[in-house]
Amino acid sequence: MKDILDEADTKMDKSVEATREEFAAIRAGRATPAMFSKIVVNYYGSPTPLQQLASFTAPEARIIMIQPYDMSAMNDVERAIRDSDLGVNPANDGRVLRCVFPELTEERRKDYIKLARTKAEDGRVAVRNLRRTAKQNLEKLEKDGEVGKDDVTGAEKRLDGVTKKHTDAIDEMLKNKESELLEV
């Protein structure tokens, strides 16, 4: 039973961390290299994360400069950024790509808040699915006669506590992201 609870806790931690990474990719006031973490470039026929192909600098709050390590990949990097959901058109000067992010409008902020809520709900669903799997494993142990009903009931209560801790963490991240997005 302890192994089932520990495994559920570890996987829930990973779900919360994945949600945190999703939130980092949502732009608030300033542009960050984390916004490019989900972009994949077709590099010599294989999909490669942009983070592995270029260095990022942020000279100003709304500008990110991207310098590919391999200049022959410049056009592929530019195409991947343009096709992404960032809504930015990179300017290519031959050495670096300059991505200037427009000022966030009220409508765009609301769209980002909706996106953040969707990502948070996805995270909560993942945590609840892990809870359901762990609960089924506990019930299987009881059915097989390996543990008693009281032990399973206690383990389910601990599982509920772990689940609540992780969903609360996601809710807290969502609240922080919403306040960050509403900041002008």
Protein backbone atom coordinates (compact mmCIF):
# COMPACT_ATOMS: atom_id res chain seq x y z
CA MET A 1 0.00 0.00 0.00
CA LYS A 2 2.83 2.38 0.84
CA ASP A 3 4.34 1.78 -2.61
CA ILE A 4 1.02 2.61 -4.28
CA LEU A 5 0.69 5.85 -2.29
CA ASP A 6 4.32 6.84 -2.90
CA GLU A 7 4.02 6.15 -6.62
CA ALA A 8 0.82 8.21 -6.83
CA ASP A 9 2.48 11.07 -4.93
CA THR A 10 5.51 11.03 -7.24
CA LYS A 11 3.40 10.98 -10.39
CA MET A 12 1.18 13.77 -9.05
CA ASP A 13 4.31 15.84 -8.37
CA LYS A 14 5.26 15.33 -12.02
CA SER A 15 1.78 16.44 -13.14
CA VAL A 16 2.06 19.61 -11.05
CA GLU A 17 5.53 20.29 -12.49
CA ALA A 18 4.22 19.77 -16.04
CA THR A 19 1.45 22.27 -15.32
CA ARG A 20 4.04 24.73 -13.96
CA GLU A 21 5.98 24.40 -17.23
CA GLU A 22 2.79 24.98 -19.23
CA PHE A 23 2.18 28.16 -17.22
CA ALA A 24 5.76 29.33 -17.84
CA ALA A 25 5.10 29.14 -21.57
CA ILE A 26 2.14 31.54 -21.24
CA ARG A 27 3.33 35.08 -21.72
CA ALA A 28 2.57 37.67 -19.08
CA GLY A 29 4.14 41.12 -19.08
CA ARG A 30 7.67 40.32 -20.14
CA ALA A 31 9.01 37.95 -22.75
CA THR A 32 11.04 35.01 -21.44
CA PRO A 33 12.98 32.20 -23.12
CA ALA A 34 10.63 29.72 -21.38
CA MET A 35 7.94 30.80 -23.86
CA PHE A 36 9.91 28.98 -26.56
CA SER A 37 10.22 25.70 -24.64
CA LYS A 38 7.44 23.93 -26.56
CA ILE A 39 8.70 24.89 -30.02
CA VAL A 40 10.18 22.04 -32.06
CA VAL A 41 12.30 22.70 -35.16
CA ASN A 42 12.70 20.31 -38.09
CA TYR A 43 16.51 20.08 -37.95
CA TYR A 44 18.03 17.84 -40.62
CA GLY A 45 14.84 15.82 -40.82
CA SER A 46 14.37 15.20 -37.10
CA PRO A 47 12.21 17.22 -34.69
CA THR A 48 14.54 19.01 -32.25
CA PRO A 49 13.58 21.33 -29.37
CA LEU A 50 14.50 24.96 -30.14
CA GLN A 51 16.24 25.24 -26.74
CA GLN A 52 18.89 22.80 -28.05
CA LEU A 53 19.51 24.71 -31.27
CA ALA A 54 19.93 28.31 -30.14
CA SER A 55 20.81 30.70 -27.35
CA PHE A 56 18.33 33.26 -26.06
CA THR A 57 18.85 36.77 -24.74
CA ALA A 58 16.30 39.31 -23.55
CA PRO A 59 17.75 42.80 -24.07
CA GLU A 60 14.36 44.41 -23.26
CA ALA A 61 11.13 43.32 -21.62
CA ARG A 62 9.31 42.63 -24.88
CA ILE A 63 12.21 41.48 -27.09
CA ILE A 64 13.87 38.07 -27.28
CA MET A 65 16.91 37.59 -29.49
CA ILE A 66 17.59 34.06 -30.70
CA GLN A 67 20.97 33.09 -32.08
CA PRO A 68 21.11 29.61 -33.63
CA TYR A 69 24.32 27.68 -33.00
CA ASP A 70 24.19 26.41 -36.59
CA MET A 71 23.52 29.28 -39.01
CA SER A 72 22.27 26.82 -41.65
CA ALA A 73 19.28 26.13 -39.38
CA MET A 74 18.30 29.83 -39.25
CA ASN A 75 15.43 29.50 -41.76
CA ASP A 76 14.06 26.37 -40.06
CA VAL A 77 14.15 28.09 -36.66
CA GLU A 78 12.45 31.17 -38.11
CA ARG A 79 9.73 29.02 -39.71
CA ALA A 80 9.11 27.08 -36.47
CA ILE A 81 8.70 30.30 -34.47
CA ARG A 82 6.41 31.84 -37.09
CA ASP A 83 4.22 28.68 -37.19
CA SER A 84 4.01 28.45 -33.38
CA ASP A 85 1.14 29.79 -31.29
CA LEU A 86 3.25 32.63 -29.86
CA GLY A 87 1.78 35.14 -32.30
CA VAL A 88 5.14 36.70 -33.13
CA ASN A 89 6.90 37.26 -36.44
CA PRO A 90 10.69 37.00 -36.04
CA ALA A 91 12.93 39.52 -37.86
CA ASN A 92 15.98 37.86 -39.41
CA ASP A 93 19.13 39.98 -39.79
CA GLY A 94 21.32 37.07 -40.93
CA ARG A 95 22.95 36.47 -37.52
CA VAL A 96 20.10 36.59 -35.00
CA LEU A 97 16.32 36.38 -34.97
CA ARG A 98 14.68 39.25 -33.16
CA CYS A 99 11.22 38.52 -31.76
CA VAL A 100 9.34 41.64 -30.68
CA PHE A 101 6.25 40.84 -28.67
CA PRO A 102 3.39 43.31 -28.96
CA GLU A 103 1.97 44.97 -25.85
CA LEU A 104 -0.76 42.79 -24.36
CA THR A 105 -4.25 44.08 -25.02
CA GLU A 106 -7.12 43.48 -22.61
CA GLU A 107 -8.62 40.93 -25.02
CA ARG A 108 -5.31 39.08 -25.35
CA ARG A 109 -4.92 39.01 -21.56
CA LYS A 110 -8.37 37.43 -21.25
CA ASP A 111 -7.42 34.84 -23.89
CA TYR A 112 -4.27 34.01 -21.91
CA ILE A 113 -6.32 33.68 -18.71
CA LYS A 114 -8.66 31.23 -20.49
CA LEU A 115 -5.63 29.31 -21.71
CA ALA A 116 -4.17 29.23 -18.18
CA ARG A 117 -7.48 27.95 -16.77
CA THR A 118 -7.56 25.22 -19.42
CA LYS A 119 -3.99 24.17 -18.59
CA ALA A 120 -4.84 24.16 -14.86
CA GLU A 121 -7.90 21.99 -15.47
CA ASP A 122 -5.78 19.60 -17.54
CA GLY A 123 -3.37 19.36 -14.61
CA ARG A 124 -6.17 18.72 -12.12
CA VAL A 125 -7.65 16.03 -14.40
CA ALA A 126 -4.24 14.34 -14.60
CA VAL A 127 -3.98 14.35 -10.78
CA ARG A 128 -7.51 12.95 -10.41
CA ASN A 129 -6.76 10.22 -12.97
CA LEU A 130 -3.69 9.22 -10.95
CA ARG A 131 -5.86 9.16 -7.81
CA ARG A 132 -8.38 6.89 -9.53
CA THR A 133 -5.63 4.49 -10.64
CA ALA A 134 -4.13 4.35 -7.14
CA LYS A 135 -7.60 3.80 -5.63
CA GLN A 136 -8.23 0.92 -8.03
CA ASN A 137 -4.88 -0.62 -7.08
CA LEU A 138 -5.75 -0.33 -3.38
CA GLU A 139 -9.17 -1.93 -3.96
CA LYS A 140 -7.46 -4.74 -5.90
CA LEU A 141 -5.18 -5.41 -2.92
CA GLU A 142 -8.25 -5.64 -0.68
CA LYS A 143 -10.09 -7.89 -3.12
CA ASP A 144 -7.09 -10.21 -3.36
CA GLY A 145 -7.12 -10.46 0.43
CA GLU A 146 -3.62 -8.99 0.87
CA VAL A 147 -4.84 -6.18 3.17
CA GLY A 148 -7.89 -5.48 5.27
CA LYS A 149 -10.72 -3.06 4.61
CA ASP A 150 -9.65 -0.72 7.43
CA ASP A 151 -6.13 -0.48 6.00
CA VAL A 152 -7.51 0.38 2.56
CA THR A 153 -9.88 2.99 4.04
CA GLY A 154 -6.96 4.66 5.84
CA ALA A 155 -4.83 4.55 2.71
CA GLU A 156 -7.67 6.09 0.67
CA LYS A 157 -7.92 8.95 3.17
CA ARG A 158 -4.17 9.57 2.85
CA LEU A 159 -4.55 9.37 -0.93
CA ASP A 160 -7.32 11.98 -0.79
CA GLY A 161 -5.04 14.24 1.27
CA VAL A 162 -2.21 13.87 -1.25
CA THR A 163 -4.62 14.57 -4.12
CA LYS A 164 -5.94 17.71 -2.39
CA LYS A 165 -2.39 18.94 -1.77
CA HIS A 166 -1.55 18.65 -5.47
CA THR A 167 -4.79 20.16 -6.78
CA ASP A 168 -4.38 23.04 -4.31
CA ALA A 169 -0.85 23.62 -5.66
CA ILE A 170 -2.24 23.83 -9.20
CA ASP A 171 -5.00 26.21 -8.05
CA GLU A 172 -2.39 28.43 -6.35
CA MET A 173 -0.28 28.52 -9.54
CA LEU A 174 -3.38 29.46 -11.53
CA LYS A 175 -4.24 32.26 -9.11
CA ASN A 176 -0.69 33.64 -9.37
CA LYS A 177 -0.70 33.40 -13.17
CA GLU A 178 -4.06 35.18 -13.41
CA SER A 179 -2.88 38.04 -11.19
CA GLU A 180 0.34 38.23 -13.25
CA LEU A 181 -1.69 38.42 -16.46
CA LEU A 182 -4.04 41.10 -15.13
CA GLU A 183 -1.12 43.29 -14.03
CA VAL A 184 -0.75 46.20 -16.44
